[in-house]
């Protein structure tokens, strides 16, 4: 598996702007997803996505691996993704600090005094 945001052209690391040729194998990684495609043909001009998708084909192994990873994410969700609220507010931060450190000495309920 390669790191996110990286591109491999015929097994070698390259920049995303590399010029490709038909028959080349390209491994694309974005985040935790990885896709391996084989270039079937090239176009002289920019095309709409449905037409551009006809110029390459994803390998069967890549499709199976991406489906397996999707099922794994579906059944075993990442705990950090459940937070979803971002950074706490100033008030929330005070509440967290108070919960973490408990009551301060001034408000102690001990009988030692």
PDB file of N, CA and C in Angstrom:
ATOM      1  N   UNK A   1       0.841  -1.179   0.000  1.00  0.00           N
ATOM      2  CA  UNK A   1       0.000   0.000   0.000  1.00  0.00           C
ATOM      3  C   UNK A   1       0.888   1.244   0.000  1.00  0.00           C
ATOM      4  N   UNK A   2       0.513   2.227  -0.781  1.00  0.00           N
ATOM      5  CA  UNK A   2       1.281   3.460  -0.850  1.00  0.00           C
ATOM      6  C   UNK A   2       0.584   4.539  -0.035  1.00  0.00           C
ATOM      7  N   UNK A   3       1.336   5.561   0.329  1.00  0.00           N
ATOM      8  CA  UNK A   3       0.780   6.651   1.133  1.00  0.00           C
ATOM      9  C   UNK A   3      -0.216   7.460   0.319  1.00  0.00           C
ATOM     10  N   UNK A   4      -1.136   8.133   1.037  1.00  0.00           N
ATOM     11  CA  UNK A   4      -2.161   8.941   0.391  1.00  0.00           C
ATOM     12  C   UNK A   4      -1.578  10.079  -0.443  1.00  0.00           C
ATOM     13  N   UNK A   5      -2.227  10.371  -1.564  1.00  0.00           N
ATOM     14  CA  UNK A   5      -1.800  11.464  -2.416  1.00  0.00           C
ATOM     15  C   UNK A   5      -0.609  11.137  -3.294  1.00  0.00           C
ATOM     16  N   UNK A   6      -0.226   9.869  -3.411  1.00  0.00           N
ATOM     17  CA  UNK A   6       0.933   9.484  -4.202  1.00  0.00           C
ATOM     18  C   UNK A   6       0.487   8.749  -5.463  1.00  0.00           C
ATOM     19  N   UNK A   7       1.339   8.821  -6.475  1.00  0.00           N
ATOM     20  CA  UNK A   7       1.064   8.175  -7.760  1.00  0.00           C
ATOM     21  C   UNK A   7       2.267   7.329  -8.142  1.00  0.00           C
ATOM     22  N   UNK A   8       1.993   6.096  -8.575  1.00  0.00           N
ATOM     23  CA  UNK A   8       3.038   5.219  -9.107  1.00  0.00           C
ATOM     24  C   UNK A   8       2.695   4.898 -10.555  1.00  0.00           C
ATOM     25  N   UNK A   9       3.680   5.043 -11.438  1.00  0.00           N
ATOM     26  CA  UNK A   9       3.514   4.776 -12.857  1.00  0.00           C
ATOM     27  C   UNK A   9       4.380   3.571 -13.203  1.00  0.00           C
ATOM     28  N   UNK A  10       3.766   2.481 -13.591  1.00  0.00           N
ATOM     29  CA  UNK A  10       4.460   1.223 -13.882  1.00  0.00           C
ATOM     30  C   UNK A  10       5.391   0.823 -12.741  1.00  0.00           C
ATOM     31  N   UNK A  11       4.909   0.979 -11.503  1.00  0.00           N
ATOM     32  CA  UNK A  11       5.644   0.544 -10.327  1.00  0.00           C
ATOM     33  C   UNK A  11       6.649   1.535  -9.771  1.00  0.00           C
ATOM     34  N   UNK A  12       6.825   2.670 -10.411  1.00  0.00           N
ATOM     35  CA  UNK A  12       7.789   3.662  -9.930  1.00  0.00           C
ATOM     36  C   UNK A  12       7.078   4.938  -9.532  1.00  0.00           C
ATOM     37  N   UNK A  13       7.548   5.542  -8.443  1.00  0.00           N
ATOM     38  CA  UNK A  13       6.981   6.788  -7.942  1.00  0.00           C
ATOM     39  C   UNK A  13       7.175   7.879  -8.988  1.00  0.00           C
ATOM     40  N   UNK A  14       6.125   8.679  -9.207  1.00  0.00           N
ATOM     41  CA  UNK A  14       6.219   9.779 -10.165  1.00  0.00           C
ATOM     42  C   UNK A  14       5.312  10.912  -9.722  1.00  0.00           C
ATOM     43  N   UNK A  15       5.405  12.008 -10.411  1.00  0.00           N
ATOM     44  CA  UNK A  15       4.526  13.145 -10.153  1.00  0.00           C
ATOM     45  C   UNK A  15       3.188  12.902 -10.850  1.00  0.00           C
ATOM     46  N   UNK A  16       2.101  13.481 -10.316  1.00  0.00           N
ATOM     47  CA  UNK A  16       0.795  13.303 -10.962  1.00  0.00           C
ATOM     48  C   UNK A  16       0.740  13.854 -12.384  1.00  0.00           C
ATOM     49  N   UNK A  17       1.645  14.738 -12.758  1.00  0.00           N
ATOM     50  CA  UNK A  17       1.614  15.350 -14.082  1.00  0.00           C
ATOM     51  C   UNK A  17       2.383  14.546 -15.139  1.00  0.00           C
ATOM     52  N   UNK A  18       2.841  13.353 -14.804  1.00  0.00           N
ATOM     53  CA  UNK A  18       3.627  12.547 -15.744  1.00  0.00           C
ATOM     54  C   UNK A  18       2.805  12.228 -16.998  1.00  0.00           C
ATOM     55  N   UNK A  19       3.452  12.275 -18.137  1.00  0.00           N
ATOM     56  CA  UNK A  19       2.809  11.931 -19.406  1.00  0.00           C
ATOM     57  C   UNK A  19       2.670  10.412 -19.468  1.00  0.00           C
ATOM     58  N   UNK A  20       1.474   9.932 -19.784  1.00  0.00           N
ATOM     59  CA  UNK A  20       1.227   8.488 -19.801  1.00  0.00           C
ATOM     60  C   UNK A  20       1.081   7.984 -21.229  1.00  0.00           C
ATOM     61  N   UNK A  21       1.142   6.666 -21.364  1.00  0.00           N
ATOM     62  CA  UNK A  21       0.972   6.034 -22.668  1.00  0.00           C
ATOM     63  C   UNK A  21       0.019   4.850 -22.505  1.00  0.00           C
ATOM     64  N   UNK A  22      -0.661   4.440 -23.555  1.00  0.00           N
ATOM     65  CA  UNK A  22      -1.584   3.306 -23.463  1.00  0.00           C
ATOM     66  C   UNK A  22      -0.861   2.047 -22.994  1.00  0.00           C
ATOM     67  N   UNK A  23      -1.526   1.285 -22.142  1.00  0.00           N
ATOM     68  CA  UNK A  23      -0.963   0.054 -21.606  1.00  0.00           C
ATOM     69  C   UNK A  23      -0.254   0.247 -20.277  1.00  0.00           C
ATOM     70  N   UNK A  24      -0.087   1.475 -19.834  1.00  0.00           N
ATOM     71  CA  UNK A  24       0.604   1.754 -18.575  1.00  0.00           C
ATOM     72  C   UNK A  24      -0.293   1.408 -17.390  1.00  0.00           C
ATOM     73  N   UNK A  25       0.320   0.978 -16.291  1.00  0.00           N
ATOM     74  CA  UNK A  25      -0.392   0.693 -15.057  1.00  0.00           C
ATOM     75  C   UNK A  25      -0.128   1.844 -14.092  1.00  0.00           C
ATOM     76  N   UNK A  26      -1.203   2.433 -13.577  1.00  0.00           N
ATOM     77  CA  UNK A  26      -1.088   3.574 -12.678  1.00  0.00           C
ATOM     78  C   UNK A  26      -1.745   3.211 -11.356  1.00  0.00           C
ATOM     79  N   UNK A  27      -1.013   3.435 -10.276  1.00  0.00           N
ATOM     80  CA  UNK A  27      -1.537   3.189  -8.924  1.00  0.00           C
ATOM     81  C   UNK A  27      -1.738   4.546  -8.262  1.00  0.00           C
ATOM     82  N   UNK A  28      -2.986   4.853  -7.915  1.00  0.00           N
ATOM     83  CA  UNK A  28      -3.350   6.132  -7.318  1.00  0.00           C
ATOM     84  C   UNK A  28      -3.772   5.909  -5.878  1.00  0.00           C
ATOM     85  N   UNK A  29      -3.313   6.761  -4.991  1.00  0.00           N
ATOM     86  CA  UNK A  29      -3.711   6.664  -3.587  1.00  0.00           C
ATOM     87  C   UNK A  29      -4.209   8.016  -3.130  1.00  0.00           C
ATOM     88  N   UNK A  30      -5.372   8.006  -2.483  1.00  0.00           N
ATOM     89  CA  UNK A  30      -5.929   9.227  -1.927  1.00  0.00           C
ATOM     90  C   UNK A  30      -6.535   8.872  -0.584  1.00  0.00           C
ATOM     91  N   UNK A  31      -5.961   9.398   0.482  1.00  0.00           N
ATOM     92  CA  UNK A  31      -6.413   9.027   1.813  1.00  0.00           C
ATOM     93  C   UNK A  31      -6.108   7.562   2.049  1.00  0.00           C
ATOM     94  N   UNK A  32      -7.102   6.799   2.474  1.00  0.00           N
ATOM     95  CA  UNK A  32      -6.903   5.371   2.695  1.00  0.00           C
ATOM     96  C   UNK A  32      -7.327   4.542   1.482  1.00  0.00           C
ATOM     97  N   UNK A  33      -7.854   5.199   0.459  1.00  0.00           N
ATOM     98  CA  UNK A  33      -8.275   4.495  -0.751  1.00  0.00           C
ATOM     99  C   UNK A  33      -7.125   4.397  -1.740  1.00  0.00           C
ATOM    100  N   UNK A  34      -7.080   3.264  -2.419  1.00  0.00           N
ATOM    101  CA  UNK A  34      -6.057   3.035  -3.430  1.00  0.00           C
ATOM    102  C   UNK A  34      -6.717   2.409  -4.642  1.00  0.00           C
ATOM    103  N   UNK A  35      -6.347   2.879  -5.823  1.00  0.00           N
ATOM    104  CA  UNK A  35      -6.942   2.390  -7.061  1.00  0.00           C
ATOM    105  C   UNK A  35      -5.828   2.085  -8.048  1.00  0.00           C
ATOM    106  N   UNK A  36      -5.911   0.934  -8.722  1.00  0.00           N
ATOM    107  CA  UNK A  36      -4.937   0.556  -9.749  1.00  0.00           C
ATOM    108  C   UNK A  36      -5.690   0.488 -11.075  1.00  0.00           C
ATOM    109  N   UNK A  37      -5.229   1.271 -12.056  1.00  0.00           N
ATOM    110  CA  UNK A  37      -5.897   1.319 -13.359  1.00  0.00           C
ATOM    111  C   UNK A  37      -4.893   1.044 -14.466  1.00  0.00           C
ATOM    112  N   UNK A  38      -5.412   0.553 -15.582  1.00  0.00           N
ATOM    113  CA  UNK A  38      -4.619   0.341 -16.787  1.00  0.00           C
ATOM    114  C   UNK A  38      -5.145   1.302 -17.844  1.00  0.00           C
ATOM    115  N   UNK A  39      -4.247   2.072 -18.442  1.00  0.00           N
ATOM    116  CA  UNK A  39      -4.623   3.051 -19.462  1.00  0.00           C
ATOM    117  C   UNK A  39      -4.925   2.304 -20.757  1.00  0.00           C
ATOM    118  N   UNK A  40      -6.129   2.499 -21.300  1.00  0.00           N
ATOM    119  CA  UNK A  40      -6.526   1.824 -22.535  1.00  0.00           C
ATOM    120  C   UNK A  40      -6.263   2.697 -23.761  1.00  0.00           C
ATOM    121  N   UNK A  41      -6.525   3.994 -23.632  1.00  0.00           N
ATOM    122  CA  UNK A  41      -6.340   4.909 -24.754  1.00  0.00           C
ATOM    123  C   UNK A  41      -6.121   6.313 -24.208  1.00  0.00           C
ATOM    124  N   UNK A  42      -5.725   7.216 -25.087  1.00  0.00           N
ATOM    125  CA  UNK A  42      -5.517   8.612 -24.711  1.00  0.00           C
ATOM    126  C   UNK A  42      -6.425   9.497 -25.544  1.00  0.00           C
ATOM    127  N   UNK A  43      -6.680  10.691 -25.050  1.00  0.00           N
ATOM    128  CA  UNK A  43      -7.491  11.661 -25.765  1.00  0.00           C
ATOM    129  C   UNK A  43      -6.678  12.933 -25.945  1.00  0.00           C
ATOM    130  N   UNK A  44      -6.905  13.618 -27.048  1.00  0.00           N
ATOM    131  CA  UNK A  44      -6.194  14.866 -27.317  1.00  0.00           C
ATOM    132  C   UNK A  44      -6.782  16.042 -26.554  1.00  0.00           C
ATOM    133  N   UNK A  45      -8.014  15.916 -26.107  1.00  0.00           N
ATOM    134  CA  UNK A  45      -8.652  17.028 -25.415  1.00  0.00           C
ATOM    135  C   UNK A  45      -9.317  16.544 -24.129  1.00  0.00           C
ATOM    136  N   UNK A  46      -9.670  17.484 -23.307  1.00  0.00           N
ATOM    137  CA  UNK A  46     -10.324  17.196 -22.033  1.00  0.00           C
ATOM    138  C   UNK A  46     -11.743  16.707 -22.302  1.00  0.00           C
ATOM    139  N   UNK A  47     -12.137  15.637 -21.608  1.00  0.00           N
ATOM    140  CA  UNK A  47     -13.452  15.038 -21.835  1.00  0.00           C
ATOM    141  C   UNK A  47     -14.284  15.080 -20.559  1.00  0.00           C
ATOM    142  N   UNK A  48     -15.575  14.868 -20.728  1.00  0.00           N
ATOM    143  CA  UNK A  48     -16.463  14.724 -19.578  1.00  0.00           C
ATOM    144  C   UNK A  48     -16.107  13.425 -18.854  1.00  0.00           C
ATOM    145  N   UNK A  49     -16.412  13.359 -17.560  1.00  0.00           N
ATOM    146  CA  UNK A  49     -16.018  12.207 -16.739  1.00  0.00           C
ATOM    147  C   UNK A  49     -16.499  10.873 -17.310  1.00  0.00           C
ATOM    148  N   UNK A  50     -17.772  10.736 -17.745  1.00  0.00           N
ATOM    149  CA  UNK A  50     -18.195   9.430 -18.286  1.00  0.00           C
ATOM    150  C   UNK A  50     -17.394   8.997 -19.520  1.00  0.00           C
ATOM    151  N   UNK A  51     -17.010   9.960 -20.346  1.00  0.00           N
ATOM    152  CA  UNK A  51     -16.207   9.625 -21.526  1.00  0.00           C
ATOM    153  C   UNK A  51     -14.766   9.322 -21.142  1.00  0.00           C
ATOM    154  N   UNK A  52     -14.230  10.063 -20.188  1.00  0.00           N
ATOM    155  CA  UNK A  52     -12.857   9.840 -19.738  1.00  0.00           C
ATOM    156  C   UNK A  52     -12.719   8.480 -19.061  1.00  0.00           C
ATOM    157  N   UNK A  53     -13.757   8.018 -18.378  1.00  0.00           N
ATOM    158  CA  UNK A  53     -13.706   6.720 -17.711  1.00  0.00           C
ATOM    159  C   UNK A  53     -13.608   5.568 -18.703  1.00  0.00           C
ATOM    160  N   UNK A  54     -13.963   5.793 -19.944  1.00  0.00           N
ATOM    161  CA  UNK A  54     -13.839   4.759 -20.967  1.00  0.00           C
ATOM    162  C   UNK A  54     -12.396   4.606 -21.451  1.00  0.00           C
ATOM    163  N   UNK A  55     -11.519   5.530 -21.062  1.00  0.00           N
ATOM    164  CA  UNK A  55     -10.131   5.496 -21.499  1.00  0.00           C
ATOM    165  C   UNK A  55      -9.233   4.679 -20.574  1.00  0.00           C
ATOM    166  N   UNK A  56      -9.751   4.237 -19.430  1.00  0.00           N
ATOM    167  CA  UNK A  56      -8.969   3.407 -18.512  1.00  0.00           C
ATOM    168  C   UNK A  56      -9.871   2.339 -17.909  1.00  0.00           C
ATOM    169  N   UNK A  57      -9.234   1.323 -17.317  1.00  0.00           N
ATOM    170  CA  UNK A  57      -9.987   0.237 -16.693  1.00  0.00           C
ATOM    171  C   UNK A  57      -9.314  -0.120 -15.376  1.00  0.00           C
ATOM    172  N   UNK A  58     -10.115  -0.197 -14.324  1.00  0.00           N
ATOM    173  CA  UNK A  58      -9.579  -0.577 -13.024  1.00  0.00           C
ATOM    174  C   UNK A  58      -9.386  -2.089 -12.993  1.00  0.00           C
ATOM    175  N   UNK A  59      -8.290  -2.539 -12.385  1.00  0.00           N
ATOM    176  CA  UNK A  59      -8.011  -3.976 -12.333  1.00  0.00           C
ATOM    177  C   UNK A  59      -8.984  -4.684 -11.392  1.00  0.00           C
ATOM    178  N   UNK A  60      -9.166  -5.971 -11.601  1.00  0.00           N
ATOM    179  CA  UNK A  60     -10.088  -6.768 -10.777  1.00  0.00           C
ATOM    180  C   UNK A  60      -9.602  -6.829  -9.329  1.00  0.00           C
ATOM    181  N   UNK A  61      -8.287  -6.934  -9.139  1.00  0.00           N
ATOM    182  CA  UNK A  61      -7.742  -6.978  -7.776  1.00  0.00           C
ATOM    183  C   UNK A  61      -8.013  -5.665  -7.042  1.00  0.00           C
ATOM    184  N   UNK A  62      -7.873  -4.561  -7.752  1.00  0.00           N
ATOM    185  CA  UNK A  62      -8.110  -3.256  -7.158  1.00  0.00           C
ATOM    186  C   UNK A  62      -9.584  -3.092  -6.766  1.00  0.00           C
ATOM    187  N   UNK A  63     -10.480  -3.524  -7.630  1.00  0.00           N
ATOM    188  CA  UNK A  63     -11.914  -3.453  -7.320  1.00  0.00           C
ATOM    189  C   UNK A  63     -12.248  -4.285  -6.090  1.00  0.00           C
ATOM    190  N   UNK A  64     -11.707  -5.508  -6.028  1.00  0.00           N
ATOM    191  CA  UNK A  64     -11.980  -6.385  -4.888  1.00  0.00           C
ATOM    192  C   UNK A  64     -11.422  -5.798  -3.598  1.00  0.00           C
ATOM    193  N   UNK A  65     -10.223  -5.237  -3.649  1.00  0.00           N
ATOM    194  CA  UNK A  65      -9.604  -4.647  -2.459  1.00  0.00           C
ATOM    195  C   UNK A  65     -10.377  -3.420  -1.985  1.00  0.00           C
ATOM    196  N   UNK A  66     -10.817  -2.568  -2.926  1.00  0.00           N
ATOM    197  CA  UNK A  66     -11.583  -1.383  -2.530  1.00  0.00           C
ATOM    198  C   UNK A  66     -12.930  -1.773  -1.926  1.00  0.00           C
ATOM    199  N   UNK A  67     -13.563  -2.824  -2.443  1.00  0.00           N
ATOM    200  CA  UNK A  67     -14.829  -3.304  -1.871  1.00  0.00           C
ATOM    201  C   UNK A  67     -14.604  -3.874  -0.479  1.00  0.00           C
ATOM    202  N   UNK A  68     -13.502  -4.610  -0.289  1.00  0.00           N
ATOM    203  CA  UNK A  68     -13.186  -5.160   1.026  1.00  0.00           C
ATOM    204  C   UNK A  68     -12.948  -4.041   2.042  1.00  0.00           C
ATOM    205  N   UNK A  69     -12.206  -3.011   1.627  1.00  0.00           N
ATOM    206  CA  UNK A  69     -11.943  -1.877   2.513  1.00  0.00           C
ATOM    207  C   UNK A  69     -13.222  -1.107   2.836  1.00  0.00           C
ATOM    208  N   UNK A  70     -14.116  -0.984   1.871  1.00  0.00           N
ATOM    209  CA  UNK A  70     -15.388  -0.294   2.115  1.00  0.00           C
ATOM    210  C   UNK A  70     -16.225  -1.060   3.134  1.00  0.00           C
ATOM    211  N   UNK A  71     -16.256  -2.383   3.017  1.00  0.00           N
ATOM    212  CA  UNK A  71     -16.990  -3.184   4.000  1.00  0.00           C
ATOM    213  C   UNK A  71     -16.363  -3.075   5.375  1.00  0.00           C
ATOM    214  N   UNK A  72     -15.043  -3.071   5.429  1.00  0.00           N
ATOM    215  CA  UNK A  72     -14.350  -2.945   6.709  1.00  0.00           C
ATOM    216  C   UNK A  72     -14.681  -1.602   7.362  1.00  0.00           C
ATOM    217  N   UNK A  73     -14.691  -0.521   6.572  1.00  0.00           N
ATOM    218  CA  UNK A  73     -15.042   0.792   7.123  1.00  0.00           C
ATOM    219  C   UNK A  73     -16.498   0.823   7.573  1.00  0.00           C
ATOM    220  N   UNK A  74     -17.364   0.113   6.859  1.00  0.00           N
ATOM    221  CA  UNK A  74     -18.782   0.098   7.193  1.00  0.00           C
ATOM    222  C   UNK A  74     -19.036  -0.625   8.509  1.00  0.00           C
ATOM    223  N   UNK A  75     -18.340  -1.733   8.739  1.00  0.00           N
ATOM    224  CA  UNK A  75     -18.593  -2.552   9.926  1.00  0.00           C
ATOM    225  C   UNK A  75     -17.745  -2.157  11.127  1.00  0.00           C
ATOM    226  N   UNK A  76     -16.571  -1.605  10.899  1.00  0.00           N
ATOM    227  CA  UNK A  76     -15.688  -1.221  11.996  1.00  0.00           C
ATOM    228  C   UNK A  76     -15.309   0.241  11.814  1.00  0.00           C
ATOM    229  N   UNK A  77     -16.200   1.116  12.219  1.00  0.00           N
ATOM    230  CA  UNK A  77     -15.972   2.544  12.030  1.00  0.00           C
ATOM    231  C   UNK A  77     -14.821   3.047  12.887  1.00  0.00           C
ATOM    232  N   UNK A  78     -14.114   3.997  12.369  1.00  0.00           N
ATOM    233  CA  UNK A  78     -13.016   4.633  13.087  1.00  0.00           C
ATOM    234  C   UNK A  78     -13.601   5.478  14.215  1.00  0.00           C
ATOM    235  N   UNK A  79     -13.173   5.273  15.473  1.00  0.00           N
ATOM    236  CA  UNK A  79     -13.746   6.034  16.587  1.00  0.00           C
ATOM    237  C   UNK A  79     -13.587   7.544  16.444  1.00  0.00           C
ATOM    238  N   UNK A  80     -12.500   7.989  15.871  1.00  0.00           N
ATOM    239  CA  UNK A  80     -12.272   9.428  15.745  1.00  0.00           C
ATOM    240  C   UNK A  80     -13.282  10.078  14.804  1.00  0.00           C
ATOM    241  N   UNK A  81     -13.864   9.309  13.884  1.00  0.00           N
ATOM    242  CA  UNK A  81     -14.823   9.874  12.950  1.00  0.00           C
ATOM    243  C   UNK A  81     -16.156  10.191  13.622  1.00  0.00           C
ATOM    244  N   UNK A  82     -16.423   9.585  14.772  1.00  0.00           N
ATOM    245  CA  UNK A  82     -17.694   9.794  15.459  1.00  0.00           C
ATOM    246  C   UNK A  82     -17.735  11.125  16.195  1.00  0.00           C
ATOM    247  N   UNK A  83     -16.593  11.751  16.424  1.00  0.00           N
ATOM    248  CA  UNK A  83     -16.562  13.002  17.179  1.00  0.00           C
ATOM    249  C   UNK A  83     -17.298  14.082  16.398  1.00  0.00           C
ATOM    250  N   UNK A  84     -16.835  14.437  15.258  1.00  0.00           N
ATOM    251  CA  UNK A  84     -17.539  15.299  14.323  1.00  0.00           C
ATOM    252  C   UNK A  84     -17.864  16.704  14.779  1.00  0.00           C
ATOM    253  N   UNK A  85     -17.492  17.120  15.966  1.00  0.00           N
ATOM    254  CA  UNK A  85     -17.857  18.446  16.425  1.00  0.00           C
ATOM    255  C   UNK A  85     -16.721  19.443  16.300  1.00  0.00           C
ATOM    256  N   UNK A  86     -15.543  19.016  16.005  1.00  0.00           N
ATOM    257  CA  UNK A  86     -14.411  19.914  15.898  1.00  0.00           C
ATOM    258  C   UNK A  86     -13.867  20.296  17.263  1.00  0.00           C
ATOM    259  N   UNK A  87     -13.241  21.433  17.335  1.00  0.00           N
ATOM    260  CA  UNK A  87     -12.638  21.887  18.586  1.00  0.00           C
ATOM    261  C   UNK A  87     -13.712  22.331  19.565  1.00  0.00           C
ATOM    262  N   UNK A  88     -13.467  22.130  20.858  1.00  0.00           N
ATOM    263  CA  UNK A  88     -14.454  22.581  21.839  1.00  0.00           C
ATOM    264  C   UNK A  88     -14.460  24.106  21.939  1.00  0.00           C
ATOM    265  N   UNK A  89     -15.588  24.654  22.350  1.00  0.00           N
ATOM    266  CA  UNK A  89     -15.682  26.086  22.581  1.00  0.00           C
ATOM    267  C   UNK A  89     -14.970  26.423  23.883  1.00  0.00           C
ATOM    268  N   UNK A  90     -14.878  27.696  24.191  1.00  0.00           N
ATOM    269  CA  UNK A  90     -14.227  28.115  25.432  1.00  0.00           C
ATOM    270  C   UNK A  90     -14.966  27.517  26.631  1.00  0.00           C
ATOM    271  N   UNK A  91     -16.278  27.535  26.578  1.00  0.00           N
ATOM    272  CA  UNK A  91     -17.091  26.981  27.656  1.00  0.00           C
ATOM    273  C   UNK A  91     -16.893  25.470  27.762  1.00  0.00           C
ATOM    274  N   UNK A  92     -16.888  24.799  26.599  1.00  0.00           N
ATOM    275  CA  UNK A  92     -16.668  23.362  26.588  1.00  0.00           C
ATOM    276  C   UNK A  92     -15.295  22.989  27.113  1.00  0.00           C
ATOM    277  N   UNK A  93     -14.298  23.819  26.793  1.00  0.00           N
ATOM    278  CA  UNK A  93     -12.938  23.569  27.276  1.00  0.00           C
ATOM    279  C   UNK A  93     -12.872  23.676  28.795  1.00  0.00           C
ATOM    280  N   UNK A  94     -13.548  24.674  29.361  1.00  0.00           N
ATOM    281  CA  UNK A  94     -13.585  24.814  30.822  1.00  0.00           C
ATOM    282  C   UNK A  94     -14.237  23.599  31.463  1.00  0.00           C
ATOM    283  N   UNK A  95     -15.321  23.120  30.855  1.00  0.00           N
ATOM    284  CA  UNK A  95     -16.005  21.941  31.393  1.00  0.00           C
ATOM    285  C   UNK A  95     -15.102  20.708  31.324  1.00  0.00           C
ATOM    286  N   UNK A  96     -14.363  20.575  30.232  1.00  0.00           N
ATOM    287  CA  UNK A  96     -13.431  19.456  30.120  1.00  0.00           C
ATOM    288  C   UNK A  96     -12.336  19.531  31.176  1.00  0.00           C
ATOM    289  N   UNK A  97     -11.777  20.722  31.370  1.00  0.00           N
ATOM    290  CA  UNK A  97     -10.738  20.893  32.382  1.00  0.00           C
ATOM    291  C   UNK A  97     -11.268  20.583  33.776  1.00  0.00           C
ATOM    292  N   UNK A  98     -12.474  21.050  34.054  1.00  0.00           N
ATOM    293  CA  UNK A  98     -13.065  20.796  35.369  1.00  0.00           C
ATOM    294  C   UNK A  98     -13.316  19.309  35.578  1.00  0.00           C
ATOM    295  N   UNK A  99     -13.794  18.640  34.570  1.00  0.00           N
ATOM    296  CA  UNK A  99     -14.047  17.202  34.683  1.00  0.00           C
ATOM    297  C   UNK A  99     -12.739  16.425  34.819  1.00  0.00           C
ATOM    298  N   UNK A 100     -11.695  16.892  34.144  1.00  0.00           N
ATOM    299  CA  UNK A 100     -10.418  16.199  34.172  1.00  0.00           C
ATOM    300  C   UNK A 100      -9.727  16.372  35.526  1.00  0.00           C
ATOM    301  N   UNK A 101      -9.793  17.566  36.088  1.00  0.00           N
ATOM    302  CA  UNK A 101      -9.083  17.852  37.327  1.00  0.00           C
ATOM    303  C   UNK A 101      -9.973  17.786  38.566  1.00  0.00           C
ATOM    304  N   UNK A 102     -11.245  17.616  38.377  1.00  0.00           N
ATOM    305  CA  UNK A 102     -12.155  17.549  39.518  1.00  0.00           C
ATOM    306  C   UNK A 102     -12.344  18.910  40.154  1.00  0.00           C
ATOM    307  N   UNK A 103     -12.905  18.901  41.315  1.00  0.00           N
ATOM    308  CA  UNK A 103     -13.128  20.155  42.043  1.00  0.00           C
ATOM    309  C   UNK A 103     -11.795  20.690  42.526  1.00  0.00           C
ATOM    310  N   UNK A 104     -11.687  22.016  42.588  1.00  0.00           N
ATOM    311  CA  UNK A 104     -10.451  22.593  43.101  1.00  0.00           C
ATOM    312  C   UNK A 104     -10.470  22.568  44.627  1.00  0.00           C
ATOM    313  N   UNK A 105      -9.393  23.010  45.260  1.00  0.00           N
ATOM    314  CA  UNK A 105      -9.267  22.916  46.719  1.00  0.00           C
ATOM    315  C   UNK A 105     -10.322  23.736  47.443  1.00  0.00           C
ATOM    316  N   UNK A 106     -10.723  24.829  46.863  1.00  0.00           N
ATOM    317  CA  UNK A 106     -11.677  25.721  47.513  1.00  0.00           C
ATOM    318  C   UNK A 106     -13.020  25.053  47.724  1.00  0.00           C
ATOM    319  N   UNK A 107     -13.404  24.194  46.829  1.00  0.00           N
ATOM    320  CA  UNK A 107     -14.716  23.556  46.895  1.00  0.00           C
ATOM    321  C   UNK A 107     -14.611  22.109  47.364  1.00  0.00           C
ATOM    322  N   UNK A 108     -13.600  21.793  48.090  1.00  0.00           N
ATOM    323  CA  UNK A 108     -13.384  20.438  48.551  1.00  0.00           C
ATOM    324  C   UNK A 108     -14.458  20.035  49.554  1.00  0.00           C
ATOM    325  N   UNK A 109     -14.900  18.817  49.488  1.00  0.00           N
ATOM    326  CA  UNK A 109     -15.914  18.306  50.414  1.00  0.00           C
ATOM    327  C   UNK A 109     -15.297  17.426  51.487  1.00  0.00           C
ATOM    328  N   UNK A 110     -13.979  17.515  51.668  1.00  0.00           N
ATOM    329  CA  UNK A 110     -13.326  16.663  52.648  1.00  0.00           C
ATOM    330  C   UNK A 110     -13.543  17.192  54.076  1.00  0.00           C
ATOM    331  N   UNK A 111     -13.382  16.329  55.058  1.00  0.00           N
ATOM    332  CA  UNK A 111     -13.572  16.694  56.458  1.00  0.00           C
ATOM    333  C   UNK A 111     -12.260  16.980  57.156  1.00  0.00           C
ATOM    334  N   UNK A 112     -11.181  17.108  56.414  1.00  0.00           N
ATOM    335  CA  UNK A 112      -9.847  17.299  56.983  1.00  0.00           C
ATOM    336  C   UNK A 112      -9.633  18.699  57.521  1.00  0.00           C
ATOM    337  N   UNK A 113     -10.440  19.639  57.210  1.00  0.00           N
ATOM    338  CA  UNK A 113     -10.201  21.032  57.597  1.00  0.00           C
ATOM    339  C   UNK A 113     -10.488  21.283  58.991  1.00  0.00           C
TER     340      UNK A 113
END
